[in-house]
Amino acid sequence: MSSEPAVSIQGLSKSYPLRHDEHDHDHLALAVLEKLKHPLKRRPVDWLWALRDVSFDVGDGEVVGLIGHNGAGKSTLLKVLTRITTPTAGEISIRGRLGSLLEVGTGFHPELTGRENIFLNGSILGMNHREVAHVFDSIVEFAEVERFLDTPVKRFSSGMFVRLAFSVAAHLDRDVLLLDEVLAVGDRNFRAKCFERIAALRDDGRTVILVSHQLDSILENCSRTVVMSQGEVAFDGPTPEAVDTYLATGFVHGAAQLPPPEHRTGSGEARVVEVKAGEGPFEPDEAKVIEFAVEPFQPGAPEFHVALDVCDEDGTVVAHADSRVWGVTYRADESHRLRISIDRPWLREGRYHANLYLRHPRRGSLDECERVWAFDVLPGAPYPYWPGRMATGGARTITEFVVDDVADAADPPGPSGGGDGPFPGR
């Protein structure tokens, strides 16, 4: 093995322009009319730094994990490494041939058969026809799709599709392989095969960078892990310490301090400006309430609905609230003080965090606030003789939510149709 790193990243930064215009329009005709009226007017530009001064090296035969919360810069880093996008500043050096699987099935054509897609995908990923033919049998055997090889992949199940896509990428004759969340899909047996394949690549001196929110995958496969936070390297070292750093990042009991707008995704037409929530610890069936204020930031912004994800320590969503359940949306050009009540979720003992979203059905997110609330849940059971084997996992019963505009002081009926909601007398 060479003493030089297989991958060297030095001072890497990437910025994207965020344009804001008080005369932004939903309709093309109005936008064209505005441009004709003010042809020389330049739109103000803000900049989002998706990566900022990122530096680390990866050696031959290393399997390095890359973790971080959504928006931390992981996918942007991989796109720069694969030359999908160019960096704003910094240098990248990759010694040898690079292969990647950033999205399962990228490069697959739904109308082509599995056999045809193996050659097509191999070509896209840098293999010639002879190279693909040489490993064709191994790809098919690993993916376990021989029976359906001459069937168009549009008829494949999601499991078959991911097995074939990973198998093609994993059998590339590449020196460096980038894998982004490909092990999050598929059953336990297939993931075990993937881990074995990654170990074989490592033993063969290949370099692997593995991105995943599945912390068990990172702990099992990577001796070293890089933690990304807000576009920067927050930690680079042994994987157990890296996982502890990731889990602790942004975890403050109760409502966390909101990240600055430039580090949040979303259009910014409306923003969450204040959050209040209980600190806990909570009983498993105890109602949990978060209140937050929303302010408009652009005239004429679209309406939005509110969503809240409750996640466990591994980042798995165990409960979800959405104001659309009651057909409720809010005007983005008005101020709101909203409350989400989580009633009887029966969460198991452990540590949880919540992500808060303001979204428009067609235009996407207006604001996204990750890890905006954090709390612990005490041990407990919903009924006597709770089986020990069921004491792990996420929510155990249907979770009920109420999304309420505090300013209106009127609770919409909950899923059970109760008029007072879960907090009578509040």
Protein backbone atom coordinates (compact mmCIF):
# COMPACT_ATOMS: atom_id res chain seq x y z
CA MET A 1 0.00 0.00 0.00
CA SER A 2 1.13 3.52 -0.74
CA SER A 3 1.99 5.98 2.03
CA GLU A 4 -0.04 8.61 0.18
CA PRO A 5 -3.74 8.83 1.04
CA ALA A 6 -6.24 7.36 -1.39
CA VAL A 7 -8.46 10.40 -0.89
CA SER A 8 -7.18 13.79 0.23
CA ILE A 9 -9.56 16.68 0.91
CA GLN A 10 -8.04 20.03 1.78
CA GLY A 11 -9.91 23.25 2.60
CA LEU A 12 -12.99 22.21 0.63
CA SER A 13 -15.87 24.71 0.53
CA LYS A 14 -19.07 24.85 -1.51
CA SER A 15 -21.61 27.69 -1.58
CA TYR A 16 -24.96 28.05 -3.31
CA PRO A 17 -26.81 31.31 -4.05
CA LEU A 18 -30.13 31.82 -2.31
CA ARG A 19 -32.14 34.46 -4.16
CA HIS A 20 -34.90 36.44 -2.50
CA ASP A 21 -37.32 38.72 -4.30
CA GLU A 22 -40.31 40.51 -2.83
CA HIS A 23 -41.93 40.35 -6.28
CA ASP A 24 -41.49 36.60 -6.71
CA HIS A 25 -44.58 35.14 -8.40
CA ASP A 26 -46.19 31.73 -8.64
CA HIS A 27 -47.38 32.37 -12.22
CA LEU A 28 -45.08 32.67 -15.23
CA ALA A 29 -47.09 35.51 -16.80
CA LEU A 30 -46.73 37.69 -13.70
CA ALA A 31 -43.01 36.93 -13.48
CA VAL A 32 -42.50 37.90 -17.15
CA LEU A 33 -44.52 41.10 -16.65
CA GLU A 34 -42.43 42.04 -13.62
CA LYS A 35 -39.23 41.47 -15.64
CA LEU A 36 -40.52 43.69 -18.48
CA LYS A 37 -41.42 46.45 -16.01
CA HIS A 38 -38.02 46.33 -14.30
CA PRO A 39 -35.54 44.85 -16.81
CA LEU A 40 -32.42 46.11 -15.05
CA LYS A 41 -33.42 45.21 -11.53
CA ARG A 42 -31.09 42.67 -9.96
CA ARG A 43 -32.40 40.28 -7.36
CA PRO A 44 -30.59 40.31 -4.00
CA VAL A 45 -28.53 37.19 -3.34
CA ASP A 46 -27.74 35.42 -0.09
CA TRP A 47 -25.28 32.54 0.03
CA LEU A 48 -25.64 29.15 1.68
CA TRP A 49 -22.36 27.47 2.59
CA ALA A 50 -23.09 23.78 2.27
CA LEU A 51 -19.41 22.99 2.95
CA ARG A 52 -16.92 25.18 4.76
CA ASP A 53 -13.18 24.43 4.99
CA VAL A 54 -13.53 20.62 5.10
CA SER A 55 -10.23 18.75 5.38
CA PHE A 56 -9.40 15.07 6.00
CA ASP A 57 -7.56 12.16 4.37
CA VAL A 58 -8.58 8.53 3.80
CA GLY A 59 -5.91 5.86 3.39
CA ASP A 60 -5.74 2.68 1.34
CA GLY A 61 -7.93 -0.09 2.74
CA GLU A 62 -9.82 2.20 5.11
CA VAL A 63 -13.59 2.00 5.50
CA VAL A 64 -14.49 5.45 6.81
CA GLY A 65 -17.94 6.41 7.99
CA LEU A 66 -19.47 9.81 7.23
CA ILE A 67 -22.38 10.81 9.47
CA GLY A 68 -24.31 13.95 10.34
CA HIS A 69 -27.83 15.24 10.55
CA ASN A 70 -29.81 16.18 7.43
CA GLY A 71 -28.31 19.32 5.91
CA ALA A 72 -24.89 18.71 7.48
CA GLY A 73 -23.19 18.59 4.06
CA LYS A 74 -22.61 14.85 3.58
CA SER A 75 -24.32 14.48 0.20
CA THR A 76 -22.79 17.72 -1.07
CA LEU A 77 -19.35 16.40 -0.16
CA LEU A 78 -19.96 13.17 -2.10
CA LYS A 79 -21.23 15.12 -5.11
CA VAL A 80 -18.04 17.17 -5.11
CA LEU A 81 -15.91 14.04 -4.78
CA THR A 82 -17.69 12.44 -7.76
CA ARG A 83 -17.43 15.69 -9.76
CA ILE A 84 -21.19 16.04 -10.06
CA THR A 85 -20.66 19.58 -8.82
CA THR A 86 -17.58 21.76 -8.57
CA PRO A 87 -16.21 23.17 -5.30
CA THR A 88 -16.15 26.88 -4.53
CA ALA A 89 -12.72 26.54 -2.91
CA GLY A 90 -10.28 23.85 -1.86
CA GLU A 91 -8.61 20.84 -3.43
CA ILE A 92 -9.43 17.14 -3.85
CA SER A 93 -6.96 14.40 -4.75
CA ILE A 94 -8.16 10.86 -5.49
CA ARG A 95 -5.56 8.23 -6.24
CA GLY A 96 -6.96 5.50 -8.47
CA ARG A 97 -10.34 4.89 -10.05
CA LEU A 98 -13.47 6.09 -8.29
CA GLY A 99 -16.84 4.35 -8.17
CA SER A 100 -19.97 5.54 -6.40
CA LEU A 101 -23.52 4.65 -5.54
CA LEU A 102 -25.09 7.88 -4.34
CA GLU A 103 -28.67 6.88 -5.05
CA VAL A 104 -29.87 3.34 -5.43
CA GLY A 105 -30.86 2.70 -9.02
CA THR A 106 -29.27 5.81 -10.50
CA GLY A 107 -28.59 4.99 -14.14
CA PHE A 108 -31.15 2.18 -14.33
CA HIS A 109 -33.74 2.37 -17.10
CA PRO A 110 -37.14 1.00 -16.03
CA GLU A 111 -37.99 -0.37 -19.48
CA LEU A 112 -34.76 -2.36 -19.81
CA THR A 113 -34.29 -5.82 -18.34
CA GLY A 114 -32.08 -6.61 -15.38
CA ARG A 115 -29.45 -8.05 -17.74
CA GLU A 116 -29.43 -4.93 -19.93
CA ASN A 117 -29.32 -2.63 -16.92
CA ILE A 118 -26.28 -4.41 -15.49
CA PHE A 119 -24.30 -3.51 -18.63
CA LEU A 120 -25.84 -0.03 -18.83
CA ASN A 121 -25.17 0.77 -15.18
CA GLY A 122 -21.69 -0.71 -15.31
CA SER A 123 -20.92 1.53 -18.27
CA ILE A 124 -22.23 4.62 -16.49
CA LEU A 125 -20.10 3.76 -13.47
CA GLY A 126 -16.96 3.47 -15.60
CA MET A 127 -16.68 -0.19 -16.65
CA ASN A 128 -16.30 -1.34 -20.25
CA HIS A 129 -18.30 -4.25 -21.69
CA ARG A 130 -15.54 -6.80 -21.11
CA GLU A 131 -15.14 -5.77 -17.46
CA VAL A 132 -18.88 -6.11 -16.86
CA ALA A 133 -18.99 -9.50 -18.59
CA HIS A 134 -16.11 -10.71 -16.41
CA VAL A 135 -18.05 -10.06 -13.17
CA PHE A 136 -21.56 -10.57 -14.59
CA ASP A 137 -22.14 -13.97 -12.95
CA SER A 138 -20.89 -12.67 -9.59
CA ILE A 139 -23.23 -9.68 -9.81
CA VAL A 140 -26.25 -11.88 -10.54
CA GLU A 141 -25.37 -14.41 -7.84
CA PHE A 142 -24.90 -11.68 -5.22
CA ALA A 143 -28.16 -9.91 -6.16
CA GLU A 144 -30.15 -13.17 -6.22
CA VAL A 145 -32.19 -12.07 -9.25
CA GLU A 146 -31.22 -14.76 -11.78
CA ARG A 147 -34.82 -15.88 -12.25
CA PHE A 148 -35.90 -12.34 -13.19
CA LEU A 149 -32.83 -11.34 -15.17
CA ASP A 150 -34.71 -10.85 -18.44
CA THR A 151 -37.65 -8.99 -16.86
CA PRO A 152 -37.87 -5.18 -17.13
CA VAL A 153 -36.73 -3.71 -13.82
CA LYS A 154 -39.92 -1.64 -13.57
CA ARG A 155 -41.53 -4.92 -12.48
CA PHE A 156 -38.90 -5.55 -9.79
CA SER A 157 -39.81 -5.23 -6.15
CA SER A 158 -37.94 -2.52 -4.23
CA GLY A 159 -35.83 -5.23 -2.57
CA MET A 160 -34.81 -6.78 -5.88
CA PHE A 161 -34.03 -3.36 -7.29
CA VAL A 162 -31.72 -2.37 -4.43
CA ARG A 163 -29.97 -5.75 -4.45
CA LEU A 164 -29.14 -5.44 -8.13
CA ALA A 165 -28.04 -1.79 -7.88
CA PHE A 166 -25.73 -2.44 -4.92
CA SER A 167 -24.34 -5.59 -6.50
CA VAL A 168 -23.29 -3.74 -9.66
CA ALA A 169 -21.59 -0.99 -7.64
CA ALA A 170 -19.93 -3.43 -5.22
CA HIS A 171 -18.39 -5.49 -8.03
CA LEU A 172 -16.73 -2.54 -9.74
CA ASP A 173 -12.98 -2.80 -10.15
CA ARG A 174 -12.56 0.54 -8.38
CA ASP A 175 -9.89 1.73 -5.96
CA VAL A 176 -12.24 4.07 -4.08
CA LEU A 177 -15.96 3.40 -3.56
CA LEU A 178 -18.49 5.93 -2.22
CA LEU A 179 -21.75 4.54 -0.79
CA ASP A 180 -24.58 6.83 0.30
CA GLU A 181 -27.40 5.29 2.38
CA VAL A 182 -27.52 2.15 0.23
CA LEU A 183 -27.63 -0.15 3.26
CA ALA A 184 -30.73 1.53 4.68
CA VAL A 185 -32.86 -0.47 2.25
CA GLY A 186 -33.17 -4.23 2.09
CA ASP A 187 -33.70 -7.00 4.60
CA ARG A 188 -31.36 -8.14 7.37
CA ASN A 189 -29.82 -11.00 5.36
CA PHE A 190 -29.00 -8.74 2.43
CA ARG A 191 -27.43 -6.11 4.68
CA ALA A 192 -25.27 -8.85 6.21
CA LYS A 193 -24.08 -9.78 2.69
CA CYS A 194 -23.31 -6.11 2.02
CA PHE A 195 -21.21 -5.90 5.19
CA GLU A 196 -19.29 -8.99 4.12
CA ARG A 197 -18.69 -7.47 0.70
CA ILE A 198 -17.45 -4.21 2.21
CA ALA A 199 -15.08 -6.18 4.47
CA ALA A 200 -13.78 -8.06 1.42
CA LEU A 201 -13.14 -4.77 -0.38
CA ARG A 202 -11.25 -3.47 2.65
CA ASP A 203 -9.14 -6.64 2.89
CA ASP A 204 -8.34 -6.26 -0.80
CA GLY A 205 -6.92 -2.79 -0.12
CA ARG A 206 -9.90 -0.86 -1.50
CA THR A 207 -11.01 2.39 0.12
CA VAL A 208 -14.67 2.85 1.07
CA ILE A 209 -16.49 5.95 2.33
CA LEU A 210 -19.84 4.94 3.78
CA VAL A 211 -22.60 7.47 4.48
CA SER A 212 -25.50 6.30 6.60
CA HIS A 213 -27.99 7.33 9.28
CA GLN A 214 -28.01 3.66 10.38
CA LEU A 215 -25.51 3.89 13.22
CA ASP A 216 -25.30 0.12 13.63
CA SER A 217 -23.99 -0.07 10.05
CA ILE A 218 -21.36 2.57 10.82
CA LEU A 219 -20.29 0.89 14.08
CA GLU A 220 -20.04 -2.52 12.44
CA ASN A 221 -18.14 -1.49 9.32
CA CYS A 222 -16.04 1.57 10.13
CA SER A 223 -13.14 1.86 12.55
CA ARG A 224 -12.99 5.59 11.87
CA THR A 225 -15.81 8.07 11.26
CA VAL A 226 -16.08 11.73 10.27
CA VAL A 227 -18.96 13.71 11.78
CA MET A 228 -20.30 16.62 9.72
CA SER A 229 -22.24 19.51 11.25
CA GLN A 230 -23.47 22.61 9.40
CA GLY A 231 -21.02 22.04 6.56
CA GLU A 232 -17.96 21.57 8.76
CA VAL A 233 -16.03 18.64 10.25
CA ALA A 234 -17.21 18.38 13.87
CA PHE A 235 -15.19 15.24 14.69
CA ASP A 236 -12.76 12.87 12.98
CA GLY A 237 -11.68 9.80 14.90
CA PRO A 238 -12.67 6.39 16.32
CA THR A 239 -16.22 5.41 15.41
CA PRO A 240 -17.61 4.89 18.95
CA GLU A 241 -16.53 8.41 19.92
CA ALA A 242 -17.85 9.76 16.62
CA VAL A 243 -21.29 8.21 17.26
CA ASP A 244 -21.34 9.74 20.75
CA THR A 245 -20.49 13.13 19.23
CA TYR A 246 -23.25 12.74 16.63
CA LEU A 247 -25.86 11.78 19.23
CA ALA A 248 -24.85 14.68 21.49
CA THR A 249 -24.85 17.25 18.69
CA GLY A 250 -27.66 19.67 19.28
CA PHE A 251 -29.13 17.63 22.15
CA VAL A 252 -30.33 20.03 24.83
CA HIS A 253 -33.20 18.94 27.03
CA GLY A 254 -36.29 20.90 26.11
CA ALA A 255 -36.30 23.33 23.21
CA ALA A 256 -32.90 23.76 21.59
CA GLN A 257 -31.60 27.05 20.30
CA LEU A 258 -32.75 27.49 16.72
CA PRO A 259 -29.99 27.22 14.14
CA PRO A 260 -29.41 30.41 12.13
CA PRO A 261 -31.49 30.66 8.93
CA GLU A 262 -28.43 30.28 6.69
CA HIS A 263 -27.91 26.80 8.12
CA ARG A 264 -31.51 25.70 7.53
CA THR A 265 -32.98 24.36 4.35
CA GLY A 266 -36.22 25.69 2.91
CA SER A 267 -37.14 28.75 0.87
CA GLY A 268 -37.17 31.04 3.92
CA GLU A 269 -40.50 32.62 2.96
CA ALA A 270 -41.59 31.93 6.53
CA ARG A 271 -39.41 30.97 9.48
CA VAL A 272 -39.79 29.49 12.94
CA VAL A 273 -38.46 32.22 15.25
CA GLU A 274 -39.12 30.83 18.74
CA VAL A 275 -39.67 27.42 20.31
CA LYS A 276 -40.85 26.39 23.78
CA ALA A 277 -41.13 22.77 24.95
CA GLY A 278 -41.10 20.65 28.06
CA GLU A 279 -37.74 19.37 29.28
CA GLY A 280 -38.93 16.06 30.72
CA PRO A 281 -38.10 13.35 31.54
CA PHE A 282 -41.56 12.12 30.55
CA GLU A 283 -43.55 9.04 31.42
CA PRO A 284 -44.09 6.84 28.33
CA ASP A 285 -47.78 7.77 28.03
CA GLU A 286 -47.43 11.36 29.20
CA ALA A 287 -48.58 14.03 26.74
CA LYS A 288 -45.74 16.09 25.27
CA VAL A 289 -46.28 19.64 24.02
CA ILE A 290 -44.18 21.97 21.88
CA GLU A 291 -45.11 25.57 21.07
CA PHE A 292 -43.46 27.68 18.40
CA ALA A 293 -43.81 31.04 16.69
CA VAL A 294 -43.77 31.52 12.92
CA GLU A 295 -43.10 34.86 11.21
CA PRO A 296 -43.37 35.80 7.51
CA PHE A 297 -40.16 36.83 5.76
CA GLN A 298 -41.39 37.56 2.23
CA PRO A 299 -44.59 39.27 1.06
CA GLY A 300 -46.97 37.01 -0.82
CA ALA A 301 -45.52 33.79 0.58
CA PRO A 302 -47.64 30.65 0.06
CA GLU A 303 -49.66 28.89 2.73
CA PHE A 304 -47.99 26.07 4.62
CA HIS A 305 -48.77 23.05 6.74
CA VAL A 306 -46.88 21.99 9.86
CA ALA A 307 -45.16 18.64 10.37
CA LEU A 308 -43.20 17.20 13.29
CA ASP A 309 -41.06 14.03 13.30
CA VAL A 310 -40.13 12.38 16.60
CA CYS A 311 -36.92 10.36 16.21
CA ASP A 312 -35.03 7.92 18.42
CA GLU A 313 -31.27 7.98 19.05
CA ASP A 314 -30.57 6.23 15.73
CA GLY A 315 -32.54 8.87 13.82
CA THR A 316 -35.44 6.53 13.07
CA VAL A 317 -38.80 8.32 12.91
CA VAL A 318 -41.04 6.67 15.52
CA ALA A 319 -43.95 9.17 15.44
CA HIS A 320 -45.16 11.84 13.02
CA ALA A 321 -47.58 14.75 13.28
CA ASP A 322 -49.01 16.70 10.34
CA SER A 323 -51.64 19.45 10.32
CA ARG A 324 -52.98 18.13 7.00
CA VAL A 325 -54.60 15.29 8.95
CA TRP A 326 -57.27 17.85 9.86
CA GLY A 327 -57.02 19.74 6.56
CA VAL A 328 -55.39 22.67 8.37
CA THR A 329 -52.97 25.06 6.63
CA TYR A 330 -51.69 28.48 7.65
CA ARG A 331 -51.03 31.71 5.81
CA ALA A 332 -47.30 32.34 5.45
CA ASP A 333 -47.75 36.12 5.26
CA GLU A 334 -49.17 36.22 8.80
CA SER A 335 -47.67 35.60 12.25
CA HIS A 336 -48.66 32.43 14.08
CA ARG A 337 -48.07 30.88 17.47
CA LEU A 338 -48.71 27.15 17.12
CA ARG A 339 -48.78 24.21 19.48
CA ILE A 340 -48.35 20.52 18.70
CA SER A 341 -49.63 18.15 21.37
CA ILE A 342 -48.49 14.53 21.25
CA ASP A 343 -51.01 12.48 23.18
CA ARG A 344 -50.25 9.00 24.54
CA PRO A 345 -47.43 7.98 22.16
CA TRP A 346 -46.23 5.11 24.41
CA LEU A 347 -42.60 5.68 23.55
CA ARG A 348 -40.16 3.20 25.05
CA GLU A 349 -37.46 4.24 27.49
CA GLY A 350 -34.75 6.31 25.81
CA ARG A 351 -33.70 9.63 24.35
CA TYR A 352 -35.61 11.35 21.56
CA HIS A 353 -35.43 14.45 19.43
CA ALA A 354 -37.92 16.17 17.14
CA ASN A 355 -37.60 17.86 13.76
CA LEU A 356 -40.02 20.62 12.81
CA TYR A 357 -41.07 21.50 9.24
CA LEU A 358 -43.10 24.19 7.47
CA ARG A 359 -44.06 22.90 4.03
CA HIS A 360 -46.06 23.78 0.93
CA PRO A 361 -47.52 20.85 -1.04
CA ARG A 362 -46.05 21.97 -4.37
CA ARG A 363 -43.22 24.37 -3.56
CA GLY A 364 -41.62 22.20 -0.90
CA SER A 365 -40.17 23.33 2.41
CA LEU A 366 -40.37 26.89 3.68
CA ASP A 367 -38.37 26.07 6.80
CA GLU A 368 -36.78 22.99 8.36
CA CYS A 369 -35.54 22.93 11.97
CA GLU A 370 -33.67 19.79 12.96
CA ARG A 371 -33.33 18.60 16.56
CA VAL A 372 -35.42 21.54 17.71
CA TRP A 373 -36.68 19.62 20.75
CA ALA A 374 -35.06 16.88 22.81
CA PHE A 375 -36.31 14.83 25.74
CA ASP A 376 -35.89 11.59 27.68
CA VAL A 377 -38.60 9.00 28.31
CA LEU A 378 -38.69 6.98 31.53
CA PRO A 379 -39.24 3.21 31.72
CA GLY A 380 -42.84 2.09 31.71
CA ALA A 381 -45.44 -0.21 30.17
CA PRO A 382 -48.92 0.41 28.75
CA TYR A 383 -50.43 -2.55 30.59
CA PRO A 384 -49.39 -5.23 33.12
CA TYR A 385 -47.25 -8.19 32.04
CA TRP A 386 -45.64 -6.21 29.19
CA PRO A 387 -43.55 -8.84 27.32
CA GLY A 388 -39.84 -8.17 27.67
CA ARG A 389 -39.19 -8.97 24.01
CA MET A 390 -41.41 -5.99 23.06
CA ALA A 391 -39.58 -3.55 25.29
CA THR A 392 -37.49 -2.34 22.39
CA GLY A 393 -38.40 -0.45 19.27
CA GLY A 394 -40.41 2.69 18.67
CA ALA A 395 -44.01 3.63 19.33
CA ARG A 396 -46.22 0.71 20.42
CA THR A 397 -49.69 2.12 19.83
CA ILE A 398 -51.28 4.62 17.48
CA THR A 399 -50.00 8.09 18.34
CA GLU A 400 -52.52 10.91 18.51
CA PHE A 401 -51.67 14.52 17.74
CA VAL A 402 -53.35 17.89 17.93
CA VAL A 403 -51.99 20.86 15.98
CA ASP A 404 -53.42 24.05 17.44
CA ASP A 405 -53.13 27.77 16.69
CA VAL A 406 -52.58 29.10 20.21
CA ALA A 407 -53.54 32.60 19.16
CA ASP A 408 -57.02 31.37 18.23
CA ALA A 409 -57.34 29.48 21.55
CA ALA A 410 -59.41 26.79 19.84
CA ASP A 411 -58.38 23.16 19.62
CA PRO A 412 -59.48 21.34 16.47
CA PRO A 413 -60.95 17.93 17.20
CA GLY A 414 -58.36 15.18 17.58
CA PRO A 415 -58.39 11.87 15.69
CA SER A 416 -60.95 10.46 18.12
CA GLY A 417 -63.24 13.44 17.51
CA GLY A 418 -62.98 14.85 21.04
CA GLY A 419 -63.90 18.52 21.08
CA ASP A 420 -61.67 19.49 24.01
CA GLY A 421 -58.57 17.75 22.68
CA PRO A 422 -56.17 15.98 25.03
CA PHE A 423 -55.78 18.93 27.40
CA PRO A 424 -59.18 19.92 28.80
CA GLY A 425 -59.00 22.88 31.10
CA ARG A 426 -55.83 24.35 29.58
